[in-house]
N, C-alpha and C. Protein backbone atom coordinates (compact mmCIF):
# COMPACT_ATOMS: atom_id res chain seq x y z
N MET A 1 1.29 29.00 -2.25
CA MET A 1 -0.14 28.80 -2.28
C MET A 1 -0.45 27.34 -1.95
N SER A 2 -1.38 27.13 -1.10
CA SER A 2 -1.73 25.79 -0.67
C SER A 2 -2.92 25.26 -1.46
N VAL A 3 -2.94 23.96 -1.63
CA VAL A 3 -4.05 23.33 -2.35
C VAL A 3 -5.28 23.23 -1.45
N GLU A 4 -5.05 23.09 -0.18
CA GLU A 4 -6.16 22.85 0.76
C GLU A 4 -7.22 23.95 0.75
N PRO A 5 -6.88 25.23 0.83
CA PRO A 5 -7.94 26.25 0.84
C PRO A 5 -8.79 26.23 -0.42
N SER A 6 -8.17 25.97 -1.58
CA SER A 6 -8.96 25.95 -2.80
C SER A 6 -9.90 24.74 -2.82
N ALA A 7 -9.44 23.60 -2.28
CA ALA A 7 -10.31 22.43 -2.21
C ALA A 7 -11.48 22.69 -1.27
N LEU A 8 -11.22 23.39 -0.18
CA LEU A 8 -12.30 23.71 0.73
C LEU A 8 -13.31 24.64 0.08
N SER A 9 -12.83 25.60 -0.70
CA SER A 9 -13.76 26.52 -1.34
C SER A 9 -14.59 25.82 -2.40
N ILE A 10 -14.02 24.84 -3.09
CA ILE A 10 -14.78 24.08 -4.08
C ILE A 10 -15.87 23.28 -3.40
N ARG A 11 -15.53 22.63 -2.28
CA ARG A 11 -16.54 21.88 -1.54
C ARG A 11 -17.63 22.79 -1.02
N ALA A 12 -17.25 23.97 -0.56
CA ALA A 12 -18.24 24.91 -0.04
C ALA A 12 -19.14 25.41 -1.17
N ALA A 13 -18.57 25.60 -2.36
CA ALA A 13 -19.35 26.11 -3.48
C ALA A 13 -20.34 25.07 -3.99
N THR A 14 -19.96 23.80 -3.96
CA THR A 14 -20.86 22.77 -4.47
C THR A 14 -21.91 22.39 -3.44
N GLY A 15 -21.64 22.65 -2.19
CA GLY A 15 -22.60 22.31 -1.14
C GLY A 15 -22.63 20.83 -0.79
N ARG A 16 -21.66 20.08 -1.29
CA ARG A 16 -21.63 18.64 -1.02
C ARG A 16 -20.83 18.35 0.25
N ARG A 17 -21.29 17.35 0.96
CA ARG A 17 -20.54 16.88 2.13
C ARG A 17 -19.68 15.71 1.70
N GLU A 18 -18.57 15.52 2.40
CA GLU A 18 -17.76 14.35 2.12
C GLU A 18 -18.41 13.16 2.79
N THR A 19 -18.58 12.08 2.04
CA THR A 19 -19.17 10.87 2.59
C THR A 19 -18.22 9.71 2.34
N ALA A 20 -18.48 8.62 3.02
CA ALA A 20 -17.68 7.43 2.82
C ALA A 20 -17.97 6.87 1.43
N PRO A 21 -16.98 6.21 0.83
CA PRO A 21 -17.22 5.66 -0.51
C PRO A 21 -18.31 4.58 -0.48
N GLY A 22 -19.06 4.50 -1.55
CA GLY A 22 -20.13 3.51 -1.65
C GLY A 22 -19.59 2.12 -1.86
N ILE A 23 -20.49 1.16 -1.88
CA ILE A 23 -20.10 -0.24 -2.01
C ILE A 23 -19.40 -0.50 -3.34
N ALA A 24 -19.87 0.12 -4.41
CA ALA A 24 -19.25 -0.09 -5.72
C ALA A 24 -17.80 0.44 -5.72
N THR A 25 -17.59 1.57 -5.09
CA THR A 25 -16.23 2.14 -5.02
C THR A 25 -15.32 1.24 -4.20
N ARG A 26 -15.83 0.74 -3.07
CA ARG A 26 -15.01 -0.14 -2.23
C ARG A 26 -14.67 -1.44 -2.95
N VAL A 27 -15.64 -2.00 -3.68
CA VAL A 27 -15.38 -3.23 -4.44
C VAL A 27 -14.35 -2.96 -5.53
N TRP A 28 -14.49 -1.84 -6.24
CA TRP A 28 -13.54 -1.49 -7.29
C TRP A 28 -12.14 -1.31 -6.72
N LEU A 29 -12.01 -0.63 -5.58
CA LEU A 29 -10.70 -0.42 -4.97
C LEU A 29 -10.09 -1.74 -4.50
N ALA A 30 -10.92 -2.63 -3.94
CA ALA A 30 -10.43 -3.94 -3.51
C ALA A 30 -9.95 -4.76 -4.70
N LEU A 31 -10.70 -4.70 -5.80
CA LEU A 31 -10.30 -5.42 -7.01
C LEU A 31 -9.01 -4.86 -7.59
N ALA A 32 -8.88 -3.55 -7.60
CA ALA A 32 -7.66 -2.92 -8.10
C ALA A 32 -6.46 -3.31 -7.23
N ALA A 33 -6.63 -3.36 -5.92
CA ALA A 33 -5.54 -3.75 -5.02
C ALA A 33 -5.17 -5.21 -5.25
N PHE A 34 -6.17 -6.07 -5.47
CA PHE A 34 -5.91 -7.49 -5.73
C PHE A 34 -5.10 -7.67 -7.01
N VAL A 35 -5.51 -6.97 -8.06
CA VAL A 35 -4.80 -7.07 -9.34
C VAL A 35 -3.36 -6.58 -9.20
N GLU A 36 -3.17 -5.50 -8.45
CA GLU A 36 -1.82 -4.97 -8.25
C GLU A 36 -0.95 -5.95 -7.47
N ARG A 37 -1.52 -6.59 -6.44
CA ARG A 37 -0.76 -7.59 -5.68
C ARG A 37 -0.41 -8.79 -6.55
N GLN A 38 -1.35 -9.23 -7.39
CA GLN A 38 -1.08 -10.36 -8.28
C GLN A 38 0.04 -10.01 -9.26
N ARG A 39 0.02 -8.79 -9.76
CA ARG A 39 1.06 -8.35 -10.68
C ARG A 39 2.43 -8.33 -9.99
N ALA A 40 2.46 -7.86 -8.75
CA ALA A 40 3.71 -7.84 -7.99
C ALA A 40 4.21 -9.26 -7.73
N ARG A 41 3.29 -10.17 -7.39
CA ARG A 41 3.69 -11.57 -7.17
C ARG A 41 4.28 -12.17 -8.44
N THR A 42 3.64 -11.91 -9.56
CA THR A 42 4.11 -12.46 -10.83
C THR A 42 5.50 -11.92 -11.17
N LEU A 43 5.69 -10.62 -11.01
CA LEU A 43 6.99 -10.03 -11.31
C LEU A 43 8.08 -10.58 -10.41
N MET A 44 7.78 -10.72 -9.12
CA MET A 44 8.80 -11.24 -8.20
C MET A 44 9.06 -12.72 -8.45
N ALA A 45 8.03 -13.47 -8.83
CA ALA A 45 8.23 -14.90 -9.10
C ALA A 45 9.10 -15.12 -10.33
N GLU A 46 9.10 -14.17 -11.26
CA GLU A 46 9.93 -14.28 -12.45
C GLU A 46 11.38 -13.89 -12.19
N MET A 47 11.66 -13.27 -11.05
CA MET A 47 13.03 -12.86 -10.73
C MET A 47 13.88 -14.07 -10.34
N GLU A 48 15.17 -13.94 -10.59
CA GLU A 48 16.11 -14.96 -10.16
C GLU A 48 16.33 -14.83 -8.66
N ASP A 49 16.81 -15.91 -8.03
CA ASP A 49 17.06 -15.89 -6.60
C ASP A 49 18.06 -14.80 -6.22
N ARG A 50 19.05 -14.57 -7.07
CA ARG A 50 20.05 -13.54 -6.82
C ARG A 50 19.39 -12.15 -6.75
N MET A 51 18.45 -11.90 -7.65
CA MET A 51 17.76 -10.61 -7.65
C MET A 51 16.87 -10.45 -6.42
N LEU A 52 16.20 -11.53 -6.03
CA LEU A 52 15.37 -11.47 -4.82
C LEU A 52 16.24 -11.20 -3.59
N LYS A 53 17.41 -11.82 -3.56
CA LYS A 53 18.33 -11.59 -2.44
C LYS A 53 18.76 -10.13 -2.37
N ASP A 54 18.93 -9.51 -3.55
CA ASP A 54 19.33 -8.10 -3.60
C ASP A 54 18.28 -7.19 -2.96
N ILE A 55 17.01 -7.55 -3.10
CA ILE A 55 15.96 -6.71 -2.51
C ILE A 55 15.57 -7.19 -1.11
N GLY A 56 16.24 -8.24 -0.63
CA GLY A 56 16.07 -8.65 0.76
C GLY A 56 14.95 -9.64 1.03
N ILE A 57 14.53 -10.41 0.02
CA ILE A 57 13.50 -11.42 0.26
C ILE A 57 13.93 -12.74 -0.35
N THR A 58 13.25 -13.80 0.04
CA THR A 58 13.46 -15.11 -0.54
C THR A 58 12.19 -15.51 -1.28
N ARG A 59 12.22 -16.64 -1.97
CA ARG A 59 11.03 -17.10 -2.69
C ARG A 59 9.84 -17.29 -1.75
N SER A 60 10.10 -17.75 -0.55
CA SER A 60 9.00 -17.97 0.39
C SER A 60 8.41 -16.67 0.92
N ASP A 61 9.11 -15.56 0.74
CA ASP A 61 8.62 -14.26 1.21
C ASP A 61 7.83 -13.49 0.16
N ILE A 62 7.72 -14.02 -1.05
CA ILE A 62 7.09 -13.27 -2.14
C ILE A 62 5.65 -12.90 -1.81
N ASP A 63 4.87 -13.84 -1.33
CA ASP A 63 3.46 -13.55 -1.03
C ASP A 63 3.33 -12.48 0.06
N ARG A 64 4.12 -12.61 1.11
CA ARG A 64 4.06 -11.64 2.20
C ARG A 64 4.53 -10.26 1.75
N ALA A 65 5.56 -10.23 0.92
CA ALA A 65 6.07 -8.95 0.41
C ALA A 65 5.04 -8.28 -0.49
N ALA A 66 4.34 -9.07 -1.30
CA ALA A 66 3.31 -8.50 -2.18
C ALA A 66 2.12 -7.99 -1.37
N ARG A 67 1.78 -8.69 -0.31
CA ARG A 67 0.62 -8.32 0.49
C ARG A 67 0.90 -7.13 1.41
N PHE A 68 2.05 -7.14 2.09
CA PHE A 68 2.32 -6.13 3.10
C PHE A 68 3.38 -5.11 2.70
N GLY A 69 4.07 -5.34 1.60
CA GLY A 69 5.09 -4.40 1.16
C GLY A 69 6.46 -4.66 1.75
N HIS A 70 6.58 -5.68 2.58
CA HIS A 70 7.87 -6.05 3.15
C HIS A 70 7.83 -7.52 3.52
N ALA A 71 8.97 -8.12 3.69
CA ALA A 71 9.03 -9.55 3.95
C ALA A 71 8.89 -9.91 5.42
N SER A 72 9.07 -8.96 6.29
CA SER A 72 9.03 -9.25 7.73
C SER A 72 7.58 -9.44 8.19
N PRO A 73 7.29 -10.49 8.97
CA PRO A 73 5.93 -10.66 9.49
C PRO A 73 5.60 -9.64 10.59
N ASP A 74 6.62 -9.05 11.17
CA ASP A 74 6.41 -8.05 12.21
C ASP A 74 6.15 -6.69 11.57
N PRO A 75 5.28 -5.90 12.16
CA PRO A 75 5.05 -4.58 11.58
C PRO A 75 6.29 -3.71 11.73
N ILE A 76 6.49 -2.83 10.79
CA ILE A 76 7.61 -1.90 10.85
C ILE A 76 7.15 -0.72 11.69
N LEU A 77 7.79 -0.55 12.84
CA LEU A 77 7.41 0.50 13.77
C LEU A 77 8.25 1.74 13.55
N PRO A 78 7.70 2.91 13.83
CA PRO A 78 8.53 4.11 13.76
C PRO A 78 9.64 4.04 14.81
N TRP A 79 10.70 4.80 14.60
CA TRP A 79 11.85 4.69 15.48
C TRP A 79 11.53 4.96 16.94
N TRP A 80 10.54 5.81 17.23
CA TRP A 80 10.25 6.14 18.62
C TRP A 80 9.45 5.03 19.31
N ARG A 81 8.89 4.08 18.55
CA ARG A 81 8.17 2.98 19.18
C ARG A 81 8.89 1.64 19.03
N ASP A 82 10.01 1.64 18.32
CA ASP A 82 10.76 0.42 18.07
C ASP A 82 11.49 0.00 19.36
N PRO A 83 11.17 -1.17 19.93
CA PRO A 83 11.79 -1.58 21.20
C PRO A 83 13.28 -1.89 21.06
N THR A 84 13.78 -2.16 19.86
CA THR A 84 15.20 -2.48 19.70
C THR A 84 16.08 -1.23 19.76
N ASN A 85 15.50 -0.05 19.64
CA ASN A 85 16.28 1.20 19.68
C ASN A 85 16.38 1.80 21.06
N ARG A 86 15.97 1.10 22.08
CA ARG A 86 15.99 1.68 23.43
C ARG A 86 17.23 1.32 24.16
């Protein structure tokens, strides 16, 4: 059984259309993302250099890793678009 058909029937029953989130929702989501990034930075800053090396980053990469989820400034491309795999 799929979740999608039941979600569609609920939307059809309520008569509501899906709309973009309002300004309050966007502000709340941005604040939540900021707090989560700050928490990640704090946790990584408390790690020893040996532990950071184990996860593949250095102290100078902490901010980038917290912001983008990885230490590399280059975007991680899927294998079919990665130029190094050709």
